[in-house]
């Protein structure tokens, strides 16, 4: 299992933030964030509360187990899911068709690349 620091780094990257920006969420420096991510220091509860407010899955950071599958979504994935849930039946059908078509294109590209490589 990954360390607390590695899981913290994974959550930071999932949110698309650099160390300095992520540390700023809790009023810390990039150096402090780096120490946390290298397991040379452990975060306190005030830090964990601050990053939780920014969307970090604290249960995952502390235990290695996701609070829910949705917690692993990037901001873009969560927005797409939200759009789907807020669409009417016709809109959801359209989103389904577009996503299936895009997945098929990607699968064909992957298959073609494997044959070449």
PDB file of N, CA and C in Angstrom:
ATOM      1  N   UNK A   1       0.849  -1.190   0.000  1.00  0.00           N
ATOM      2  CA  UNK A   1       0.000   0.000   0.000  1.00  0.00           C
ATOM      3  C   UNK A   1       0.889   1.245   0.000  1.00  0.00           C
ATOM      4  N   UNK A   2       0.455   2.246  -0.739  1.00  0.00           N
ATOM      5  CA  UNK A   2       1.199   3.499  -0.772  1.00  0.00           C
ATOM      6  C   UNK A   2       1.199   4.169   0.597  1.00  0.00           C
ATOM      7  N   UNK A   3       2.178   5.004   0.818  1.00  0.00           N
ATOM      8  CA  UNK A   3       2.272   5.749   2.067  1.00  0.00           C
ATOM      9  C   UNK A   3       1.298   6.919   2.063  1.00  0.00           C
ATOM     10  N   UNK A   4       1.093   7.499   3.227  1.00  0.00           N
ATOM     11  CA  UNK A   4       0.246   8.682   3.347  1.00  0.00           C
ATOM     12  C   UNK A   4       0.742   9.781   2.412  1.00  0.00           C
ATOM     13  N   UNK A   5       2.027   9.972   2.359  1.00  0.00           N
ATOM     14  CA  UNK A   5       2.595  11.011   1.502  1.00  0.00           C
ATOM     15  C   UNK A   5       2.300  10.783   0.032  1.00  0.00           C
ATOM     16  N   UNK A   6       2.412   9.528  -0.415  1.00  0.00           N
ATOM     17  CA  UNK A   6       2.130   9.193  -1.818  1.00  0.00           C
ATOM     18  C   UNK A   6       0.654   9.399  -2.132  1.00  0.00           C
ATOM     19  N   UNK A   7      -0.213   9.041  -1.189  1.00  0.00           N
ATOM     20  CA  UNK A   7      -1.655   9.241  -1.410  1.00  0.00           C
ATOM     21  C   UNK A   7      -1.998  10.724  -1.416  1.00  0.00           C
ATOM     22  N   UNK A   8      -1.349  11.492  -0.570  1.00  0.00           N
ATOM     23  CA  UNK A   8      -1.557  12.934  -0.546  1.00  0.00           C
ATOM     24  C   UNK A   8      -1.130  13.547  -1.877  1.00  0.00           C
ATOM     25  N   UNK A   9       0.001  13.109  -2.389  1.00  0.00           N
ATOM     26  CA  UNK A   9       0.486  13.583  -3.686  1.00  0.00           C
ATOM     27  C   UNK A   9      -0.492  13.194  -4.797  1.00  0.00           C
ATOM     28  N   UNK A  10      -1.027  11.978  -4.738  1.00  0.00           N
ATOM     29  CA  UNK A  10      -1.983  11.533  -5.749  1.00  0.00           C
ATOM     30  C   UNK A  10      -3.237  12.401  -5.743  1.00  0.00           C
ATOM     31  N   UNK A  11      -3.708  12.757  -4.568  1.00  0.00           N
ATOM     32  CA  UNK A  11      -4.892  13.622  -4.472  1.00  0.00           C
ATOM     33  C   UNK A  11      -4.594  15.022  -5.006  1.00  0.00           C
ATOM     34  N   UNK A  12      -3.415  15.548  -4.694  1.00  0.00           N
ATOM     35  CA  UNK A  12      -3.029  16.869  -5.209  1.00  0.00           C
ATOM     36  C   UNK A  12      -3.025  16.856  -6.726  1.00  0.00           C
ATOM     37  N   UNK A  13      -2.440  15.815  -7.295  1.00  0.00           N
ATOM     38  CA  UNK A  13      -2.370  15.713  -8.749  1.00  0.00           C
ATOM     39  C   UNK A  13      -3.750  15.496  -9.357  1.00  0.00           C
ATOM     40  N   UNK A  14      -4.597  14.727  -8.676  1.00  0.00           N
ATOM     41  CA  UNK A  14      -5.961  14.510  -9.165  1.00  0.00           C
ATOM     42  C   UNK A  14      -6.707  15.837  -9.294  1.00  0.00           C
ATOM     43  N   UNK A  15      -6.428  16.734  -8.358  1.00  0.00           N
ATOM     44  CA  UNK A  15      -7.075  18.053  -8.387  1.00  0.00           C
ATOM     45  C   UNK A  15      -6.373  19.025  -9.334  1.00  0.00           C
ATOM     46  N   UNK A  16      -5.250  18.591  -9.904  1.00  0.00           N
ATOM     47  CA  UNK A  16      -4.537  19.417 -10.876  1.00  0.00           C
ATOM     48  C   UNK A  16      -3.802  20.596 -10.264  1.00  0.00           C
ATOM     49  N   UNK A  17      -3.304  20.435  -9.046  1.00  0.00           N
ATOM     50  CA  UNK A  17      -2.628  21.525  -8.344  1.00  0.00           C
ATOM     51  C   UNK A  17      -1.147  21.222  -8.152  1.00  0.00           C
ATOM     52  N   UNK A  18      -0.337  22.270  -8.188  1.00  0.00           N
ATOM     53  CA  UNK A  18       1.074  22.159  -7.855  1.00  0.00           C
ATOM     54  C   UNK A  18       1.234  22.174  -6.342  1.00  0.00           C
ATOM     55  N   UNK A  19       2.435  21.858  -5.872  1.00  0.00           N
ATOM     56  CA  UNK A  19       2.670  21.818  -4.430  1.00  0.00           C
ATOM     57  C   UNK A  19       2.398  23.159  -3.760  1.00  0.00           C
ATOM     58  N   UNK A  20       2.859  24.230  -4.376  1.00  0.00           N
ATOM     59  CA  UNK A  20       2.687  25.546  -3.753  1.00  0.00           C
ATOM     60  C   UNK A  20       1.220  25.928  -3.639  1.00  0.00           C
ATOM     61  N   UNK A  21       0.472  25.712  -4.719  1.00  0.00           N
ATOM     62  CA  UNK A  21      -0.957  26.047  -4.715  1.00  0.00           C
ATOM     63  C   UNK A  21      -1.715  25.174  -3.715  1.00  0.00           C
ATOM     64  N   UNK A  22      -1.381  23.894  -3.686  1.00  0.00           N
ATOM     65  CA  UNK A  22      -2.045  22.961  -2.775  1.00  0.00           C
ATOM     66  C   UNK A  22      -1.741  23.336  -1.325  1.00  0.00           C
ATOM     67  N   UNK A  23      -0.492  23.616  -1.032  1.00  0.00           N
ATOM     68  CA  UNK A  23      -0.098  24.010   0.323  1.00  0.00           C
ATOM     69  C   UNK A  23      -0.823  25.281   0.746  1.00  0.00           C
ATOM     70  N   UNK A  24      -0.998  26.195  -0.214  1.00  0.00           N
ATOM     71  CA  UNK A  24      -1.689  27.446   0.073  1.00  0.00           C
ATOM     72  C   UNK A  24      -3.122  27.255   0.539  1.00  0.00           C
ATOM     73  N   UNK A  25      -3.742  26.145   0.154  1.00  0.00           N
ATOM     74  CA  UNK A  25      -5.106  25.871   0.604  1.00  0.00           C
ATOM     75  C   UNK A  25      -5.182  25.802   2.121  1.00  0.00           C
ATOM     76  N   UNK A  26      -4.080  25.380   2.733  1.00  0.00           N
ATOM     77  CA  UNK A  26      -4.026  25.239   4.186  1.00  0.00           C
ATOM     78  C   UNK A  26      -3.120  26.283   4.830  1.00  0.00           C
ATOM     79  N   UNK A  27      -2.674  27.263   4.048  1.00  0.00           N
ATOM     80  CA  UNK A  27      -1.818  28.309   4.588  1.00  0.00           C
ATOM     81  C   UNK A  27      -0.399  27.850   4.869  1.00  0.00           C
ATOM     82  N   UNK A  28       0.067  26.842   4.133  1.00  0.00           N
ATOM     83  CA  UNK A  28       1.416  26.337   4.329  1.00  0.00           C
ATOM     84  C   UNK A  28       2.306  26.679   3.141  1.00  0.00           C
ATOM     85  N   UNK A  29       3.570  26.330   3.249  1.00  0.00           N
ATOM     86  CA  UNK A  29       4.529  26.580   2.174  1.00  0.00           C
ATOM     87  C   UNK A  29       4.702  25.334   1.309  1.00  0.00           C
ATOM     88  N   UNK A  30       5.304  25.522   0.151  1.00  0.00           N
ATOM     89  CA  UNK A  30       5.613  24.402  -0.733  1.00  0.00           C
ATOM     90  C   UNK A  30       6.557  23.429  -0.037  1.00  0.00           C
ATOM     91  N   UNK A  31       7.468  23.960   0.760  1.00  0.00           N
ATOM     92  CA  UNK A  31       8.410  23.113   1.483  1.00  0.00           C
ATOM     93  C   UNK A  31       7.684  22.172   2.438  1.00  0.00           C
ATOM     94  N   UNK A  32       6.710  22.697   3.176  1.00  0.00           N
ATOM     95  CA  UNK A  32       5.936  21.851   4.097  1.00  0.00           C
ATOM     96  C   UNK A  32       5.193  20.771   3.317  1.00  0.00           C
ATOM     97  N   UNK A  33       4.609  21.161   2.176  1.00  0.00           N
ATOM     98  CA  UNK A  33       3.893  20.193   1.354  1.00  0.00           C
ATOM     99  C   UNK A  33       4.836  19.090   0.872  1.00  0.00           C
ATOM    100  N   UNK A  34       6.012  19.489   0.458  1.00  0.00           N
ATOM    101  CA  UNK A  34       7.004  18.519  -0.005  1.00  0.00           C
ATOM    102  C   UNK A  34       7.379  17.544   1.107  1.00  0.00           C
ATOM    103  N   UNK A  35       7.534  18.044   2.317  1.00  0.00           N
ATOM    104  CA  UNK A  35       7.859  17.178   3.454  1.00  0.00           C
ATOM    105  C   UNK A  35       6.739  16.176   3.719  1.00  0.00           C
ATOM    106  N   UNK A  36       5.495  16.616   3.602  1.00  0.00           N
ATOM    107  CA  UNK A  36       4.356  15.705   3.772  1.00  0.00           C
ATOM    108  C   UNK A  36       4.390  14.614   2.703  1.00  0.00           C
ATOM    109  N   UNK A  37       4.599  15.018   1.461  1.00  0.00           N
ATOM    110  CA  UNK A  37       4.554  14.072   0.352  1.00  0.00           C
ATOM    111  C   UNK A  37       5.723  13.084   0.369  1.00  0.00           C
ATOM    112  N   UNK A  38       6.821  13.463   1.023  1.00  0.00           N
ATOM    113  CA  UNK A  38       7.973  12.563   1.150  1.00  0.00           C
ATOM    114  C   UNK A  38       7.955  11.808   2.476  1.00  0.00           C
ATOM    115  N   UNK A  39       6.849  11.917   3.205  1.00  0.00           N
ATOM    116  CA  UNK A  39       6.675  11.237   4.494  1.00  0.00           C
ATOM    117  C   UNK A  39       7.741  11.612   5.523  1.00  0.00           C
ATOM    118  N   UNK A  40       8.241  12.849   5.423  1.00  0.00           N
ATOM    119  CA  UNK A  40       9.222  13.317   6.400  1.00  0.00           C
ATOM    120  C   UNK A  40       8.551  14.123   7.509  1.00  0.00           C
ATOM    121  N   UNK A  41       7.276  14.423   7.293  1.00  0.00           N
ATOM    122  CA  UNK A  41       6.455  15.119   8.274  1.00  0.00           C
ATOM    123  C   UNK A  41       5.027  14.654   8.074  1.00  0.00           C
ATOM    124  N   UNK A  42       4.215  14.682   9.126  1.00  0.00           N
ATOM    125  CA  UNK A  42       2.824  14.264   9.005  1.00  0.00           C
ATOM    126  C   UNK A  42       1.894  15.447   9.240  1.00  0.00           C
ATOM    127  N   UNK A  43       0.853  15.554   8.414  1.00  0.00           N
ATOM    128  CA  UNK A  43      -0.057  16.693   8.535  1.00  0.00           C
ATOM    129  C   UNK A  43      -0.907  16.622   9.801  1.00  0.00           C
ATOM    130  N   UNK A  44      -1.306  17.805  10.280  1.00  0.00           N
ATOM    131  CA  UNK A  44      -2.183  17.857  11.447  1.00  0.00           C
ATOM    132  C   UNK A  44      -3.640  17.963  10.984  1.00  0.00           C
ATOM    133  N   UNK A  45      -4.553  17.952  11.942  1.00  0.00           N
ATOM    134  CA  UNK A  45      -5.975  17.954  11.596  1.00  0.00           C
ATOM    135  C   UNK A  45      -6.414  19.262  10.938  1.00  0.00           C
ATOM    136  N   UNK A  46      -5.820  20.383  11.301  1.00  0.00           N
ATOM    137  CA  UNK A  46      -6.191  21.658  10.671  1.00  0.00           C
ATOM    138  C   UNK A  46      -5.870  21.628   9.178  1.00  0.00           C
ATOM    139  N   UNK A  47      -4.726  21.051   8.827  1.00  0.00           N
ATOM    140  CA  UNK A  47      -4.338  20.909   7.427  1.00  0.00           C
ATOM    141  C   UNK A  47      -5.324  19.998   6.707  1.00  0.00           C
ATOM    142  N   UNK A  48      -5.624  18.847   7.308  1.00  0.00           N
ATOM    143  CA  UNK A  48      -6.537  17.892   6.680  1.00  0.00           C
ATOM    144  C   UNK A  48      -7.926  18.497   6.484  1.00  0.00           C
ATOM    145  N   UNK A  49      -8.391  19.281   7.441  1.00  0.00           N
ATOM    146  CA  UNK A  49      -9.690  19.946   7.298  1.00  0.00           C
ATOM    147  C   UNK A  49      -9.665  20.946   6.148  1.00  0.00           C
ATOM    148  N   UNK A  50      -8.586  21.675   6.029  1.00  0.00           N
ATOM    149  CA  UNK A  50      -8.485  22.691   4.966  1.00  0.00           C
ATOM    150  C   UNK A  50      -8.460  22.047   3.587  1.00  0.00           C
ATOM    151  N   UNK A  51      -7.715  20.971   3.422  1.00  0.00           N
ATOM    152  CA  UNK A  51      -7.653  20.357   2.091  1.00  0.00           C
ATOM    153  C   UNK A  51      -8.934  19.571   1.791  1.00  0.00           C
ATOM    154  N   UNK A  52      -9.605  19.077   2.830  1.00  0.00           N
ATOM    155  CA  UNK A  52     -10.888  18.398   2.617  1.00  0.00           C
ATOM    156  C   UNK A  52     -11.896  19.367   2.015  1.00  0.00           C
ATOM    157  N   UNK A  53     -11.858  20.614   2.469  1.00  0.00           N
ATOM    158  CA  UNK A  53     -12.779  21.633   1.948  1.00  0.00           C
ATOM    159  C   UNK A  53     -12.531  21.906   0.462  1.00  0.00           C
ATOM    160  N   UNK A  54     -11.327  21.575  -0.009  1.00  0.00           N
ATOM    161  CA  UNK A  54     -10.988  21.782  -1.423  1.00  0.00           C
ATOM    162  C   UNK A  54     -11.301  20.546  -2.274  1.00  0.00           C
ATOM    163  N   UNK A  55     -11.837  19.497  -1.648  1.00  0.00           N
ATOM    164  CA  UNK A  55     -12.233  18.321  -2.405  1.00  0.00           C
ATOM    165  C   UNK A  55     -11.338  17.111  -2.267  1.00  0.00           C
ATOM    166  N   UNK A  56     -10.378  17.163  -1.361  1.00  0.00           N
ATOM    167  CA  UNK A  56      -9.491  16.019  -1.141  1.00  0.00           C
ATOM    168  C   UNK A  56     -10.255  14.927  -0.392  1.00  0.00           C
ATOM    169  N   UNK A  57     -10.094  13.688  -0.819  1.00  0.00           N
ATOM    170  CA  UNK A  57     -10.687  12.538  -0.152  1.00  0.00           C
ATOM    171  C   UNK A  57      -9.792  12.178   1.036  1.00  0.00           C
ATOM    172  N   UNK A  58     -10.122  12.731   2.196  1.00  0.00           N
ATOM    173  CA  UNK A  58      -9.301  12.551   3.397  1.00  0.00           C
ATOM    174  C   UNK A  58      -9.275  11.091   3.835  1.00  0.00           C
ATOM    175  N   UNK A  59     -10.385  10.385   3.684  1.00  0.00           N
ATOM    176  CA  UNK A  59     -10.381   8.966   4.052  1.00  0.00           C
ATOM    177  C   UNK A  59      -9.329   8.219   3.245  1.00  0.00           C
ATOM    178  N   UNK A  60      -9.225   8.531   1.960  1.00  0.00           N
ATOM    179  CA  UNK A  60      -8.216   7.883   1.117  1.00  0.00           C
ATOM    180  C   UNK A  60      -6.805   8.263   1.571  1.00  0.00           C
ATOM    181  N   UNK A  61      -6.581   9.541   1.835  1.00  0.00           N
ATOM    182  CA  UNK A  61      -5.243   9.986   2.247  1.00  0.00           C
ATOM    183  C   UNK A  61      -4.810   9.261   3.518  1.00  0.00           C
ATOM    184  N   UNK A  62      -5.699   9.137   4.476  1.00  0.00           N
ATOM    185  CA  UNK A  62      -5.345   8.564   5.772  1.00  0.00           C
ATOM    186  C   UNK A  62      -5.325   7.035   5.761  1.00  0.00           C
ATOM    187  N   UNK A  63      -6.316   6.410   5.091  1.00  0.00           N
ATOM    188  CA  UNK A  63      -6.453   4.950   5.182  1.00  0.00           C
ATOM    189  C   UNK A  63      -6.080   4.192   3.912  1.00  0.00           C
ATOM    190  N   UNK A  64      -6.079   4.878   2.782  1.00  0.00           N
ATOM    191  CA  UNK A  64      -5.838   4.200   1.512  1.00  0.00           C
ATOM    192  C   UNK A  64      -7.104   3.672   0.868  1.00  0.00           C
ATOM    193  N   UNK A  65      -8.249   3.877   1.516  1.00  0.00           N
ATOM    194  CA  UNK A  65      -9.533   3.432   0.967  1.00  0.00           C
ATOM    195  C   UNK A  65     -10.371   4.652   0.606  1.00  0.00           C
ATOM    196  N   UNK A  66     -10.924   4.649  -0.601  1.00  0.00           N
ATOM    197  CA  UNK A  66     -11.732   5.766  -1.070  1.00  0.00           C
ATOM    198  C   UNK A  66     -13.031   5.864  -0.277  1.00  0.00           C
ATOM    199  N   UNK A  67     -13.448   7.095   0.005  1.00  0.00           N
ATOM    200  CA  UNK A  67     -14.719   7.324   0.685  1.00  0.00           C
ATOM    201  C   UNK A  67     -15.867   6.879  -0.208  1.00  0.00           C
ATOM    202  N   UNK A  68     -15.727   7.118  -1.497  1.00  0.00           N
ATOM    203  CA  UNK A  68     -16.720   6.683  -2.481  1.00  0.00           C
ATOM    204  C   UNK A  68     -16.045   6.700  -3.842  1.00  0.00           C
ATOM    205  N   UNK A  69     -16.579   5.943  -4.801  1.00  0.00           N
ATOM    206  CA  UNK A  69     -15.979   5.969  -6.139  1.00  0.00           C
ATOM    207  C   UNK A  69     -15.941   7.376  -6.731  1.00  0.00           C
ATOM    208  N   UNK A  70     -16.946   8.193  -6.427  1.00  0.00           N
ATOM    209  CA  UNK A  70     -16.992   9.552  -6.965  1.00  0.00           C
ATOM    210  C   UNK A  70     -15.829  10.407  -6.468  1.00  0.00           C
ATOM    211  N   UNK A  71     -15.269  10.054  -5.318  1.00  0.00           N
ATOM    212  CA  UNK A  71     -14.160  10.829  -4.772  1.00  0.00           C
ATOM    213  C   UNK A  71     -12.917  10.740  -5.642  1.00  0.00           C
ATOM    214  N   UNK A  72     -12.836   9.726  -6.482  1.00  0.00           N
ATOM    215  CA  UNK A  72     -11.672   9.549  -7.352  1.00  0.00           C
ATOM    216  C   UNK A  72     -11.800  10.327  -8.656  1.00  0.00           C
ATOM    217  N   UNK A  73     -12.931  10.996  -8.870  1.00  0.00           N
ATOM    218  CA  UNK A  73     -13.140  11.727 -10.111  1.00  0.00           C
ATOM    219  C   UNK A  73     -12.361  13.035 -10.133  1.00  0.00           C
ATOM    220  N   UNK A  74     -11.842  13.364 -11.305  1.00  0.00           N
ATOM    221  CA  UNK A  74     -11.229  14.680 -11.485  1.00  0.00           C
ATOM    222  C   UNK A  74     -12.358  15.707 -11.562  1.00  0.00           C
ATOM    223  N   UNK A  75     -12.017  16.970 -11.523  1.00  0.00           N
ATOM    224  CA  UNK A  75     -13.025  18.030 -11.615  1.00  0.00           C
ATOM    225  C   UNK A  75     -13.785  17.938 -12.941  1.00  0.00           C
ATOM    226  N   UNK A  76     -13.067  17.620 -14.024  1.00  0.00           N
ATOM    227  CA  UNK A  76     -13.707  17.509 -15.335  1.00  0.00           C
ATOM    228  C   UNK A  76     -14.675  16.330 -15.377  1.00  0.00           C
ATOM    229  N   UNK A  77     -14.264  15.199 -14.783  1.00  0.00           N
ATOM    230  CA  UNK A  77     -15.134  14.025 -14.752  1.00  0.00           C
ATOM    231  C   UNK A  77     -16.381  14.293 -13.901  1.00  0.00           C
ATOM    232  N   UNK A  78     -16.188  14.950 -12.771  1.00  0.00           N
ATOM    233  CA  UNK A  78     -17.322  15.271 -11.909  1.00  0.00           C
ATOM    234  C   UNK A  78     -18.294  16.211 -12.610  1.00  0.00           C
ATOM    235  N   UNK A  79     -17.764  17.177 -13.376  1.00  0.00           N
ATOM    236  CA  UNK A  79     -18.631  18.106 -14.109  1.00  0.00           C
ATOM    237  C   UNK A  79     -19.417  17.367 -15.185  1.00  0.00           C
ATOM    238  N   UNK A  80     -18.768  16.438 -15.877  1.00  0.00           N
ATOM    239  CA  UNK A  80     -19.454  15.653 -16.897  1.00  0.00           C
ATOM    240  C   UNK A  80     -20.580  14.826 -16.277  1.00  0.00           C
ATOM    241  N   UNK A  81     -20.300  14.186 -15.146  1.00  0.00           N
ATOM    242  CA  UNK A  81     -21.314  13.409 -14.452  1.00  0.00           C
ATOM    243  C   UNK A  81     -22.464  14.299 -13.991  1.00  0.00           C
ATOM    244  N   UNK A  82     -22.141  15.479 -13.490  1.00  0.00           N
ATOM    245  CA  UNK A  82     -23.169  16.425 -13.061  1.00  0.00           C
ATOM    246  C   UNK A  82     -24.045  16.858 -14.244  1.00  0.00           C
ATOM    247  N   UNK A  83     -23.415  17.124 -15.386  1.00  0.00           N
ATOM    248  CA  UNK A  83     -24.177  17.487 -16.581  1.00  0.00           C
ATOM    249  C   UNK A  83     -25.123  16.366 -16.983  1.00  0.00           C
ATOM    250  N   UNK A  84     -24.632  15.139 -16.936  1.00  0.00           N
ATOM    251  CA  UNK A  84     -25.459  13.984 -17.289  1.00  0.00           C
ATOM    252  C   UNK A  84     -26.661  13.884 -16.355  1.00  0.00           C
ATOM    253  N   UNK A  85     -26.407  14.006 -15.075  1.00  0.00           N
ATOM    254  CA  UNK A  85     -27.485  13.875 -14.087  1.00  0.00           C
ATOM    255  C   UNK A  85     -28.522  14.993 -14.198  1.00  0.00           C
ATOM    256  N   UNK A  86     -28.101  16.147 -14.662  1.00  0.00           N
ATOM    257  CA  UNK A  86     -29.021  17.278 -14.767  1.00  0.00           C
ATOM    258  C   UNK A  86     -29.688  17.409 -16.132  1.00  0.00           C
ATOM    259  N   UNK A  87     -29.335  16.525 -17.052  1.00  0.00           N
ATOM    260  CA  UNK A  87     -29.934  16.567 -18.387  1.00  0.00           C
ATOM    261  C   UNK A  87     -31.278  15.839 -18.383  1.00  0.00           C
ATOM    262  N   UNK A  88     -32.123  16.213 -19.348  1.00  0.00           N
ATOM    263  CA  UNK A  88     -33.369  15.468 -19.513  1.00  0.00           C
ATOM    264  C   UNK A  88     -33.065  14.159 -20.235  1.00  0.00           C
ATOM    265  N   UNK A  89     -34.095  13.334 -20.460  1.00  0.00           N
ATOM    266  CA  UNK A  89     -33.896  12.014 -21.063  1.00  0.00           C
ATOM    267  C   UNK A  89     -33.197  12.116 -22.417  1.00  0.00           C
ATOM    268  N   UNK A  90     -33.618  13.048 -23.250  1.00  0.00           N
ATOM    269  CA  UNK A  90     -33.015  13.205 -24.574  1.00  0.00           C
ATOM    270  C   UNK A  90     -31.548  13.624 -24.458  1.00  0.00           C
ATOM    271  N   UNK A  91     -31.259  14.512 -23.529  1.00  0.00           N
ATOM    272  CA  UNK A  91     -29.884  14.952 -23.320  1.00  0.00           C
ATOM    273  C   UNK A  91     -28.991  13.818 -22.859  1.00  0.00           C
ATOM    274  N   UNK A  92     -29.503  12.977 -21.922  1.00  0.00           N
ATOM    275  CA  UNK A  92     -28.728  11.825 -21.454  1.00  0.00           C
ATOM    276  C   UNK A  92     -28.470  10.841 -22.593  1.00  0.00           C
ATOM    277  N   UNK A  93     -29.470  10.615 -23.436  1.00  0.00           N
ATOM    278  CA  UNK A  93     -29.284   9.721 -24.579  1.00  0.00           C
ATOM    279  C   UNK A  93     -28.214  10.275 -25.529  1.00  0.00           C
ATOM    280  N   UNK A  94     -28.237  11.579 -25.745  1.00  0.00           N
ATOM    281  CA  UNK A  94     -27.239  12.206 -26.614  1.00  0.00           C
ATOM    282  C   UNK A  94     -25.838  12.050 -26.026  1.00  0.00           C
ATOM    283  N   UNK A  95     -25.701  12.296 -24.725  1.00  0.00           N
ATOM    284  CA  UNK A  95     -24.406  12.135 -24.063  1.00  0.00           C
ATOM    285  C   UNK A  95     -23.926  10.685 -24.140  1.00  0.00           C
ATOM    286  N   UNK A  96     -24.849   9.743 -23.963  1.00  0.00           N
ATOM    287  CA  UNK A  96     -24.488   8.323 -24.093  1.00  0.00           C
ATOM    288  C   UNK A  96     -23.936   8.031 -25.485  1.00  0.00           C
ATOM    289  N   UNK A  97     -24.631   8.513 -26.509  1.00  0.00           N
ATOM    290  CA  UNK A  97     -24.212   8.245 -27.889  1.00  0.00           C
ATOM    291  C   UNK A  97     -22.848   8.859 -28.189  1.00  0.00           C
ATOM    292  N   UNK A  98     -22.639  10.087 -27.749  1.00  0.00           N
ATOM    293  CA  UNK A  98     -21.360  10.764 -27.996  1.00  0.00           C
ATOM    294  C   UNK A  98     -20.237  10.031 -27.259  1.00  0.00           C
ATOM    295  N   UNK A  99     -20.460   9.663 -26.002  1.00  0.00           N
ATOM    296  CA  UNK A  99     -19.399   8.997 -25.242  1.00  0.00           C
ATOM    297  C   UNK A  99     -19.074   7.627 -25.832  1.00  0.00           C
ATOM    298  N   UNK A 100     -20.076   6.903 -26.306  1.00  0.00           N
ATOM    299  CA  UNK A 100     -19.820   5.602 -26.940  1.00  0.00           C
ATOM    300  C   UNK A 100     -19.009   5.784 -28.217  1.00  0.00           C
ATOM    301  N   UNK A 101     -19.368   6.780 -29.008  1.00  0.00           N
ATOM    302  CA  UNK A 101     -18.641   7.032 -30.261  1.00  0.00           C
ATOM    303  C   UNK A 101     -17.187   7.396 -29.982  1.00  0.00           C
ATOM    304  N   UNK A 102     -16.951   8.244 -28.994  1.00  0.00           N
ATOM    305  CA  UNK A 102     -15.587   8.630 -28.649  1.00  0.00           C
ATOM    306  C   UNK A 102     -14.785   7.442 -28.126  1.00  0.00           C
ATOM    307  N   UNK A 103     -15.417   6.581 -27.343  1.00  0.00           N
ATOM    308  CA  UNK A 103     -14.737   5.396 -26.825  1.00  0.00           C
ATOM    309  C   UNK A 103     -14.371   4.447 -27.961  1.00  0.00           C
ATOM    310  N   UNK A 104     -15.243   4.325 -28.940  1.00  0.00           N
ATOM    311  CA  UNK A 104     -14.956   3.452 -30.087  1.00  0.00           C
ATOM    312  C   UNK A 104     -13.771   3.980 -30.885  1.00  0.00           C
ATOM    313  N   UNK A 105     -13.713   5.296 -31.078  1.00  0.00           N
ATOM    314  CA  UNK A 105     -12.589   5.902 -31.794  1.00  0.00           C
ATOM    315  C   UNK A 105     -11.290   5.619 -31.043  1.00  0.00           C
ATOM    316  N   UNK A 106     -11.307   5.810 -29.739  1.00  0.00           N
ATOM    317  CA  UNK A 106     -10.115   5.567 -28.921  1.00  0.00           C
ATOM    318  C   UNK A 106      -9.692   4.106 -28.986  1.00  0.00           C
ATOM    319  N   UNK A 107     -10.669   3.182 -28.935  1.00  0.00           N
ATOM    320  CA  UNK A 107     -10.360   1.750 -28.995  1.00  0.00           C
ATOM    321  C   UNK A 107      -9.723   1.397 -30.339  1.00  0.00           C
ATOM    322  N   UNK A 108     -10.218   1.975 -31.408  1.00  0.00           N
ATOM    323  CA  UNK A 108      -9.652   1.712 -32.736  1.00  0.00           C
ATOM    324  C   UNK A 108      -8.224   2.243 -32.831  1.00  0.00           C
ATOM    325  N   UNK A 109      -7.991   3.440 -32.280  1.00  0.00           N
ATOM    326  CA  UNK A 109      -6.647   4.014 -32.291  1.00  0.00           C
ATOM    327  C   UNK A 109      -5.679   3.142 -31.495  1.00  0.00           C
ATOM    328  N   UNK A 110      -6.118   2.680 -30.351  1.00  0.00           N
ATOM    329  CA  UNK A 110      -5.279   1.833 -29.505  1.00  0.00           C
ATOM    330  C   UNK A 110      -4.951   0.523 -30.215  1.00  0.00           C
ATOM    331  N   UNK A 111      -5.944  -0.059 -30.835  1.00  0.00           N
ATOM    332  CA  UNK A 111      -5.743  -1.316 -31.567  1.00  0.00           C
ATOM    333  C   UNK A 111      -4.761  -1.114 -32.724  1.00  0.00           C
ATOM    334  N   UNK A 112      -4.921  -0.021 -33.443  1.00  0.00           N
ATOM    335  CA  UNK A 112      -4.039   0.294 -34.574  1.00  0.00           C
ATOM    336  C   UNK A 112      -2.609   0.502 -34.084  1.00  0.00           C
ATOM    337  N   UNK A 113      -2.445   1.200 -32.954  1.00  0.00           N
ATOM    338  CA  UNK A 113      -1.112   1.459 -32.414  1.00  0.00           C
ATOM    339  C   UNK A 113      -0.429   0.167 -31.963  1.00  0.00           C
ATOM    340  N   UNK A 114      -1.203  -0.783 -31.417  1.00  0.00           N
ATOM    341  CA  UNK A 114      -0.638  -2.066 -30.975  1.00  0.00           C
ATOM    342  C   UNK A 114      -0.139  -2.873 -32.170  1.00  0.00           C
ATOM    343  N   UNK A 115      -0.883  -2.799 -33.264  1.00  0.00           N
ATOM    344  CA  UNK A 115      -0.477  -3.537 -34.470  1.00  0.00           C
ATOM    345  C   UNK A 115       0.801  -2.977 -35.060  1.00  0.00           C
ATOM    346  N   UNK A 116       0.986  -1.680 -34.929  1.00  0.00           N
ATOM    347  CA  UNK A 116       2.196  -1.018 -35.454  1.00  0.00           C
ATOM    348  C   UNK A 116       3.406  -1.264 -34.568  1.00  0.00           C
ATOM    349  N   UNK A 117       3.151  -1.317 -33.258  1.00  0.00           N
ATOM    350  CA  UNK A 117       4.239  -1.315 -32.299  1.00  0.00           C
ATOM    351  C   UNK A 117       4.832  -2.612 -32.003  1.00  0.00           C
TER     352      UNK A 117
END
